[in-house]
Amino acid sequence: MRFVPRFTDGQDFAQALGKIVCVGRNYVDHAKELDNPVPSEPLLFMKPATSAVALDEPIDAPFSRGEVHFETELALLIGETLSEATAAEAERGVVGIGLALDLTLRDVQSRLKEKSHPWEVAKAFDGACPLSNFLRLERVPNWSALTFSLDIDGERRQYGEGADMIFPVATLLAEISRHFTLEPGDVVITGTPAGVGELPRGSELHFTLTGGLEVVTRVVD
């Protein structure tokens, strides 16, 4: 059954999940920690709807394929069609904000990058994008004031602020809409801050987002 985004009040979104548009290296410290250059324009890739699972369910990662890394990201639920949108039009098209876990097969990705091959198989596998429920947006928020975090077994591992994004939300959405039409039910995940690392088996994950979103889940051992 196709994944359906859900709001924190328990109501499902009107459409099933479409595509997941992902932004790479949108925080300077994260680009540096992986020895990657800081991009001069958004680095975009996609995950299919089949990669989505509920963040509050136990995470069953494919550890048999090598190291699985966690990357916590702000997720935006799109509520109207956006194509060649202005920044103002694009941000008004967001109907919900939540969190995503961009799971990455890091060993697989590294091998593919060494060969200059595409690395979707390291990012777009089934279960590669756990998504939280979404906080409803009644008006455009102060994106710069948003903060989110991930604790693993009680230890703070990632902390992100909207103000630290290289490409702010409105700019990102407008740029994405130049390349791909965004449709209701699509999700955009906006890049991860520093602190990514190997996902520990059997660990407890605790996520928070400004506005009262909190998710606790576990990794299957």
C-alpha atoms as a PDB file:
ATOM      1  CA  MET A   1       0.000   0.000   0.000  1.00  0.00           C
ATOM      2  CA  ARG A   2       1.293   3.445  -0.933  1.00  0.00           C
ATOM      3  CA  PHE A   3       2.492   5.647   1.952  1.00  0.00           C
ATOM      4  CA  VAL A   4       0.048   8.441   2.878  1.00  0.00           C
ATOM      5  CA  PRO A   5       1.388  11.508   4.723  1.00  0.00           C
ATOM      6  CA  ARG A   6      -0.409  12.160   8.004  1.00  0.00           C
ATOM      7  CA  PHE A   7      -0.845  15.250  10.152  1.00  0.00           C
ATOM      8  CA  THR A   8      -0.147  15.266  13.875  1.00  0.00           C
ATOM      9  CA  ASP A   9      -3.893  15.544  14.561  1.00  0.00           C
ATOM     10  CA  GLY A  10      -4.263  12.041  13.098  1.00  0.00           C
ATOM     11  CA  GLN A  11      -5.843  13.057   9.786  1.00  0.00           C
ATOM     12  CA  ASP A  12      -4.377  11.681   6.583  1.00  0.00           C
ATOM     13  CA  PHE A  13      -3.403  14.046   3.787  1.00  0.00           C
ATOM     14  CA  ALA A  14      -5.783  14.001   0.834  1.00  0.00           C
ATOM     15  CA  GLN A  15      -3.233  12.407  -1.535  1.00  0.00           C
ATOM     16  CA  ALA A  16      -0.821   9.526  -1.234  1.00  0.00           C
ATOM     17  CA  LEU A  17       2.872  10.351  -1.117  1.00  0.00           C
ATOM     18  CA  GLY A  18       4.360  11.291  -4.475  1.00  0.00           C
ATOM     19  CA  LYS A  19       8.060  11.828  -4.989  1.00  0.00           C
ATOM     20  CA  ILE A  20      10.544  12.827  -2.297  1.00  0.00           C
ATOM     21  CA  VAL A  21      12.898  15.560  -3.485  1.00  0.00           C
ATOM     22  CA  CYS A  22      16.099  15.659  -1.436  1.00  0.00           C
ATOM     23  CA  VAL A  23      18.673  18.399  -0.980  1.00  0.00           C
ATOM     24  CA  GLY A  24      22.296  17.473  -0.427  1.00  0.00           C
ATOM     25  CA  ARG A  25      24.962  19.479   1.421  1.00  0.00           C
ATOM     26  CA  ASN A  26      22.665  22.287   2.542  1.00  0.00           C
ATOM     27  CA  TYR A  27      24.656  22.901   5.746  1.00  0.00           C
ATOM     28  CA  VAL A  28      28.275  24.018   5.535  1.00  0.00           C
ATOM     29  CA  ASP A  29      29.455  21.953   8.519  1.00  0.00           C
ATOM     30  CA  HIS A  30      27.933  18.790   7.088  1.00  0.00           C
ATOM     31  CA  ALA A  31      29.599  19.272   3.711  1.00  0.00           C
ATOM     32  CA  LYS A  32      32.934  19.740   5.475  1.00  0.00           C
ATOM     33  CA  GLU A  33      32.542  16.718   7.751  1.00  0.00           C
ATOM     34  CA  LEU A  34      32.232  14.439   4.692  1.00  0.00           C
ATOM     35  CA  ASP A  35      35.056  16.230   2.856  1.00  0.00           C
ATOM     36  CA  ASN A  36      32.674  17.505   0.192  1.00  0.00           C
ATOM     37  CA  PRO A  37      32.811  20.920  -1.461  1.00  0.00           C
ATOM     38  CA  VAL A  38      30.221  23.481  -0.361  1.00  0.00           C
ATOM     39  CA  PRO A  39      27.778  23.771  -3.285  1.00  0.00           C
ATOM     40  CA  SER A  40      27.119  27.013  -5.133  1.00  0.00           C
ATOM     41  CA  GLU A  41      23.652  25.829  -6.144  1.00  0.00           C
ATOM     42  CA  PRO A  42      21.291  23.258  -4.610  1.00  0.00           C
ATOM     43  CA  LEU A  43      22.332  19.639  -5.049  1.00  0.00           C
ATOM     44  CA  LEU A  44      19.127  17.729  -5.774  1.00  0.00           C
ATOM     45  CA  PHE A  45      18.254  14.048  -5.964  1.00  0.00           C
ATOM     46  CA  MET A  46      15.118  11.981  -5.378  1.00  0.00           C
ATOM     47  CA  LYS A  47      13.790   9.077  -3.401  1.00  0.00           C
ATOM     48  CA  PRO A  48      10.711   7.178  -4.623  1.00  0.00           C
ATOM     49  CA  ALA A  49       7.523   6.893  -2.602  1.00  0.00           C
ATOM     50  CA  THR A  50       8.460   3.252  -1.939  1.00  0.00           C
ATOM     51  CA  SER A  51      11.367   4.454   0.228  1.00  0.00           C
ATOM     52  CA  ALA A  52       8.986   6.020   2.779  1.00  0.00           C
ATOM     53  CA  VAL A  53       8.015   4.393   6.067  1.00  0.00           C
ATOM     54  CA  ALA A  54       6.620   5.831   9.300  1.00  0.00           C
ATOM     55  CA  LEU A  55       9.312   7.320  11.533  1.00  0.00           C
ATOM     56  CA  ASP A  56       7.512   6.212  14.695  1.00  0.00           C
ATOM     57  CA  GLU A  57       7.701   2.547  13.661  1.00  0.00           C
ATOM     58  CA  PRO A  58      10.819   0.454  14.431  1.00  0.00           C
ATOM     59  CA  ILE A  59      13.515   1.112  11.829  1.00  0.00           C
ATOM     60  CA  ASP A  60      14.568  -2.071  10.052  1.00  0.00           C
ATOM     61  CA  ALA A  61      17.711  -0.989   8.214  1.00  0.00           C
ATOM     62  CA  PRO A  62      19.620  -3.165   5.680  1.00  0.00           C
ATOM     63  CA  PHE A  63      22.745  -3.643   7.786  1.00  0.00           C
ATOM     64  CA  SER A  64      23.725  -6.657   5.679  1.00  0.00           C
ATOM     65  CA  ARG A  65      24.678  -4.230   2.876  1.00  0.00           C
ATOM     66  CA  GLY A  66      27.271  -2.323   4.923  1.00  0.00           C
ATOM     67  CA  GLU A  67      27.245   0.763   7.134  1.00  0.00           C
ATOM     68  CA  VAL A  68      23.888   2.527   7.363  1.00  0.00           C
ATOM     69  CA  HIS A  69      24.187   6.214   8.256  1.00  0.00           C
ATOM     70  CA  PHE A  70      21.527   8.514   9.678  1.00  0.00           C
ATOM     71  CA  GLU A  71      20.834  12.042   8.407  1.00  0.00           C
ATOM     72  CA  THR A  72      18.067  14.009  10.139  1.00  0.00           C
ATOM     73  CA  GLU A  73      16.271  16.574   7.997  1.00  0.00           C
ATOM     74  CA  LEU A  74      13.389  19.045   8.008  1.00  0.00           C
ATOM     75  CA  ALA A  75      10.603  17.707   5.755  1.00  0.00           C
ATOM     76  CA  LEU A  76       8.084  19.854   3.879  1.00  0.00           C
ATOM     77  CA  LEU A  77       4.718  18.513   2.690  1.00  0.00           C
ATOM     78  CA  ILE A  78       3.562  20.136  -0.549  1.00  0.00           C
ATOM     79  CA  GLY A  79      -0.120  21.039  -0.798  1.00  0.00           C
ATOM     80  CA  GLU A  80      -0.460  22.601  -4.238  1.00  0.00           C
ATOM     81  CA  THR A  81       1.100  22.315  -7.670  1.00  0.00           C
ATOM     82  CA  LEU A  82       4.268  24.391  -8.026  1.00  0.00           C
ATOM     83  CA  SER A  83       6.014  24.963 -11.348  1.00  0.00           C
ATOM     84  CA  GLU A  84       8.382  27.857 -12.064  1.00  0.00           C
ATOM     85  CA  ALA A  85       7.170  29.325  -8.772  1.00  0.00           C
ATOM     86  CA  THR A  86       8.473  32.464  -7.132  1.00  0.00           C
ATOM     87  CA  ALA A  87       9.915  32.102  -3.650  1.00  0.00           C
ATOM     88  CA  ALA A  88       6.735  33.558  -2.119  1.00  0.00           C
ATOM     89  CA  GLU A  89       4.470  31.270  -4.151  1.00  0.00           C
ATOM     90  CA  ALA A  90       6.590  28.255  -3.332  1.00  0.00           C
ATOM     91  CA  GLU A  91       6.606  28.695   0.432  1.00  0.00           C
ATOM     92  CA  ARG A  92       2.828  29.260   0.452  1.00  0.00           C
ATOM     93  CA  GLY A  93       2.528  25.838  -1.169  1.00  0.00           C
ATOM     94  CA  VAL A  94       3.802  24.085   1.974  1.00  0.00           C
ATOM     95  CA  VAL A  95       0.962  22.694   4.111  1.00  0.00           C
ATOM     96  CA  GLY A  96       2.969  20.778   6.705  1.00  0.00           C
ATOM     97  CA  ILE A  97       6.392  20.491   8.300  1.00  0.00           C
ATOM     98  CA  GLY A  98       7.883  17.391   9.849  1.00  0.00           C
ATOM     99  CA  LEU A  99      11.085  15.396  10.058  1.00  0.00           C
ATOM    100  CA  ALA A 100      12.718  12.825   7.834  1.00  0.00           C
ATOM    101  CA  LEU A 101      15.540  10.383   8.352  1.00  0.00           C
ATOM    102  CA  ASP A 102      17.607  10.166   5.182  1.00  0.00           C
ATOM    103  CA  LEU A 103      19.156   6.721   5.572  1.00  0.00           C
ATOM    104  CA  THR A 104      22.285   6.179   3.520  1.00  0.00           C
ATOM    105  CA  LEU A 105      24.243   3.034   2.680  1.00  0.00           C
ATOM    106  CA  ARG A 106      27.529   4.854   3.130  1.00  0.00           C
ATOM    107  CA  ASP A 107      29.865   2.060   1.984  1.00  0.00           C
ATOM    108  CA  VAL A 108      27.771   1.557  -1.141  1.00  0.00           C
ATOM    109  CA  GLN A 109      27.608   5.291  -1.814  1.00  0.00           C
ATOM    110  CA  SER A 110      31.376   5.698  -1.423  1.00  0.00           C
ATOM    111  CA  ARG A 111      32.091   2.916  -3.923  1.00  0.00           C
ATOM    112  CA  LEU A 112      29.672   4.371  -6.443  1.00  0.00           C
ATOM    113  CA  LYS A 113      31.052   7.905  -6.053  1.00  0.00           C
ATOM    114  CA  GLU A 114      34.596   6.629  -6.618  1.00  0.00           C
ATOM    115  CA  LYS A 115      33.434   5.298  -9.993  1.00  0.00           C
ATOM    116  CA  SER A 116      31.447   8.489 -10.760  1.00  0.00           C
ATOM    117  CA  HIS A 117      28.304   6.356 -10.872  1.00  0.00           C
ATOM    118  CA  PRO A 118      24.841   7.472  -9.720  1.00  0.00           C
ATOM    119  CA  TRP A 119      24.206   6.521  -6.098  1.00  0.00           C
ATOM    120  CA  GLU A 120      20.422   6.087  -5.915  1.00  0.00           C
ATOM    121  CA  VAL A 121      20.813   2.496  -4.703  1.00  0.00           C
ATOM    122  CA  ALA A 122      22.549   3.921  -1.600  1.00  0.00           C
ATOM    123  CA  LYS A 123      19.784   6.460  -0.931  1.00  0.00           C
ATOM    124  CA  ALA A 124      16.523   5.249  -2.486  1.00  0.00           C
ATOM    125  CA  PHE A 125      16.123   1.673  -1.256  1.00  0.00           C
ATOM    126  CA  ASP A 126      12.891   0.489   0.395  1.00  0.00           C
ATOM    127  CA  GLY A 127      12.682   2.020   3.877  1.00  0.00           C
ATOM    128  CA  ALA A 128      15.353   4.647   3.154  1.00  0.00           C
ATOM    129  CA  CYS A 129      13.154   7.588   4.170  1.00  0.00           C
ATOM    130  CA  PRO A 130      11.345   7.301   7.515  1.00  0.00           C
ATOM    131  CA  LEU A 131       8.921  10.261   7.748  1.00  0.00           C
ATOM    132  CA  SER A 132       7.217  11.747  10.793  1.00  0.00           C
ATOM    133  CA  ASN A 133       3.682  13.075  10.917  1.00  0.00           C
ATOM    134  CA  PHE A 134       3.394  16.702   9.816  1.00  0.00           C
ATOM    135  CA  LEU A 135       2.514  19.798  11.788  1.00  0.00           C
ATOM    136  CA  ARG A 136      -0.162  21.738   9.908  1.00  0.00           C
ATOM    137  CA  LEU A 137       0.820  25.137   8.578  1.00  0.00           C
ATOM    138  CA  GLU A 138      -1.883  27.783   8.723  1.00  0.00           C
ATOM    139  CA  ARG A 139       0.551  30.489   7.634  1.00  0.00           C
ATOM    140  CA  VAL A 140       4.140  30.747   6.432  1.00  0.00           C
ATOM    141  CA  PRO A 141       6.372  30.308   9.500  1.00  0.00           C
ATOM    142  CA  ASN A 142       9.656  31.961  10.322  1.00  0.00           C
ATOM    143  CA  TRP A 143      11.793  29.326   8.639  1.00  0.00           C
ATOM    144  CA  SER A 144      14.987  30.680  10.180  1.00  0.00           C
ATOM    145  CA  ALA A 145      13.622  30.160  13.690  1.00  0.00           C
ATOM    146  CA  LEU A 146      12.931  26.440  13.196  1.00  0.00           C
ATOM    147  CA  THR A 147      15.179  24.027  15.081  1.00  0.00           C
ATOM    148  CA  PHE A 148      15.307  20.247  15.139  1.00  0.00           C
ATOM    149  CA  SER A 149      17.382  17.601  16.863  1.00  0.00           C
ATOM    150  CA  LEU A 150      18.213  13.917  17.123  1.00  0.00           C
ATOM    151  CA  ASP A 151      19.335  12.165  20.304  1.00  0.00           C
ATOM    152  CA  ILE A 152      20.565   8.562  20.168  1.00  0.00           C
ATOM    153  CA  ASP A 153      20.397   6.637  23.440  1.00  0.00           C
ATOM    154  CA  GLY A 154      20.164   9.950  25.292  1.00  0.00           C
ATOM    155  CA  GLU A 155      23.133  11.607  23.556  1.00  0.00           C
ATOM    156  CA  ARG A 156      22.630  14.639  21.295  1.00  0.00           C
ATOM    157  CA  ARG A 157      23.915  13.699  17.843  1.00  0.00           C
ATOM    158  CA  GLN A 158      22.406  16.291  15.526  1.00  0.00           C
ATOM    159  CA  TYR A 159      20.999  19.794  15.941  1.00  0.00           C
ATOM    160  CA  GLY A 160      19.855  21.936  13.046  1.00  0.00           C
ATOM    161  CA  GLU A 161      18.597  25.476  12.632  1.00  0.00           C
ATOM    162  CA  GLY A 162      16.768  26.845   9.629  1.00  0.00           C
ATOM    163  CA  ALA A 163      18.966  29.910   9.839  1.00  0.00           C
ATOM    164  CA  ASP A 164      22.034  27.786   9.029  1.00  0.00           C
ATOM    165  CA  MET A 165      20.772  26.450   5.700  1.00  0.00           C
ATOM    166  CA  ILE A 166      22.931  27.482   2.750  1.00  0.00           C
ATOM    167  CA  PHE A 167      19.802  27.705   0.614  1.00  0.00           C
ATOM    168  CA  PRO A 168      16.761  28.836   2.645  1.00  0.00           C
ATOM    169  CA  VAL A 169      13.426  27.064   2.317  1.00  0.00           C
ATOM    170  CA  ALA A 170      11.734  29.559  -0.026  1.00  0.00           C
ATOM    171  CA  THR A 171      14.781  29.719  -2.287  1.00  0.00           C
ATOM    172  CA  LEU A 172      15.055  25.933  -2.364  1.00  0.00           C
ATOM    173  CA  LEU A 173      11.422  25.363  -3.258  1.00  0.00           C
ATOM    174  CA  ALA A 174      11.478  27.951  -6.035  1.00  0.00           C
ATOM    175  CA  GLU A 175      14.640  26.391  -7.489  1.00  0.00           C
ATOM    176  CA  ILE A 176      13.230  22.854  -7.265  1.00  0.00           C
ATOM    177  CA  SER A 177      10.043  23.977  -9.040  1.00  0.00           C
ATOM    178  CA  ARG A 178      12.183  25.180 -11.955  1.00  0.00           C
ATOM    179  CA  HIS A 179      13.370  21.613 -12.567  1.00  0.00           C
ATOM    180  CA  PHE A 180      10.544  19.391 -11.309  1.00  0.00           C
ATOM    181  CA  THR A 181       6.879  20.251 -10.948  1.00  0.00           C
ATOM    182  CA  LEU A 182       5.969  19.758  -7.302  1.00  0.00           C
ATOM    183  CA  GLU A 183       2.519  18.268  -6.750  1.00  0.00           C
ATOM    184  CA  PRO A 184       0.246  17.798  -3.736  1.00  0.00           C
ATOM    185  CA  GLY A 185       1.583  14.884  -1.717  1.00  0.00           C
ATOM    186  CA  ASP A 186       5.214  15.430  -2.683  1.00  0.00           C
ATOM    187  CA  VAL A 187       7.717  15.896   0.145  1.00  0.00           C
ATOM    188  CA  VAL A 188      10.912  17.947   0.092  1.00  0.00           C
ATOM    189  CA  ILE A 189      13.638  17.113   2.602  1.00  0.00           C
ATOM    190  CA  THR A 190      15.976  20.031   3.030  1.00  0.00           C
ATOM    191  CA  GLY A 191      19.421  18.712   3.975  1.00  0.00           C
ATOM    192  CA  THR A 192      21.085  17.534   7.150  1.00  0.00           C
ATOM    193  CA  PRO A 193      23.262  19.398   9.659  1.00  0.00           C
ATOM    194  CA  ALA A 194      26.589  18.093  10.919  1.00  0.00           C
ATOM    195  CA  GLY A 195      26.759  15.035  13.145  1.00  0.00           C
ATOM    196  CA  VAL A 196      25.791  12.250  10.744  1.00  0.00           C
ATOM    197  CA  GLY A 197      27.128   8.824  11.546  1.00  0.00           C
ATOM    198  CA  GLU A 198      26.555   5.100  11.635  1.00  0.00           C
ATOM    199  CA  LEU A 199      23.096   4.051  12.816  1.00  0.00           C
ATOM    200  CA  PRO A 200      23.569   1.891  15.920  1.00  0.00           C
ATOM    201  CA  ARG A 201      21.630  -1.362  16.000  1.00  0.00           C
ATOM    202  CA  GLY A 202      19.111  -1.608  18.831  1.00  0.00           C
ATOM    203  CA  SER A 203      19.404   2.087  19.698  1.00  0.00           C
ATOM    204  CA  GLU A 204      16.635   4.489  20.747  1.00  0.00           C
ATOM    205  CA  LEU A 205      16.145   7.577  18.581  1.00  0.00           C
ATOM    206  CA  HIS A 206      14.500  10.731  19.926  1.00  0.00           C
ATOM    207  CA  PHE A 207      13.595  13.497  17.459  1.00  0.00           C
ATOM    208  CA  THR A 208      12.236  16.991  18.156  1.00  0.00           C
ATOM    209  CA  LEU A 209      11.085  19.884  15.976  1.00  0.00           C
ATOM    210  CA  THR A 210      10.018  23.431  16.888  1.00  0.00           C
ATOM    211  CA  GLY A 211       6.235  23.530  17.243  1.00  0.00           C
ATOM    212  CA  GLY A 212       5.883  20.518  19.502  1.00  0.00           C
ATOM    213  CA  LEU A 213       6.718  17.595  17.223  1.00  0.00           C
ATOM    214  CA  GLU A 214       8.442  14.778  19.102  1.00  0.00           C
ATOM    215  CA  VAL A 215       9.090  11.224  17.905  1.00  0.00           C
ATOM    216  CA  VAL A 216      10.687   8.317  19.731  1.00  0.00           C
ATOM    217  CA  THR A 217      11.533   5.124  17.874  1.00  0.00           C
ATOM    218  CA  ARG A 218      13.980   2.239  17.955  1.00  0.00           C
ATOM    219  CA  VAL A 219      16.361   0.629  15.493  1.00  0.00           C
ATOM    220  CA  VAL A 220      15.825  -3.098  14.980  1.00  0.00           C
ATOM    221  CA  ASP A 221      18.838  -5.052  16.224  1.00  0.00           C
END
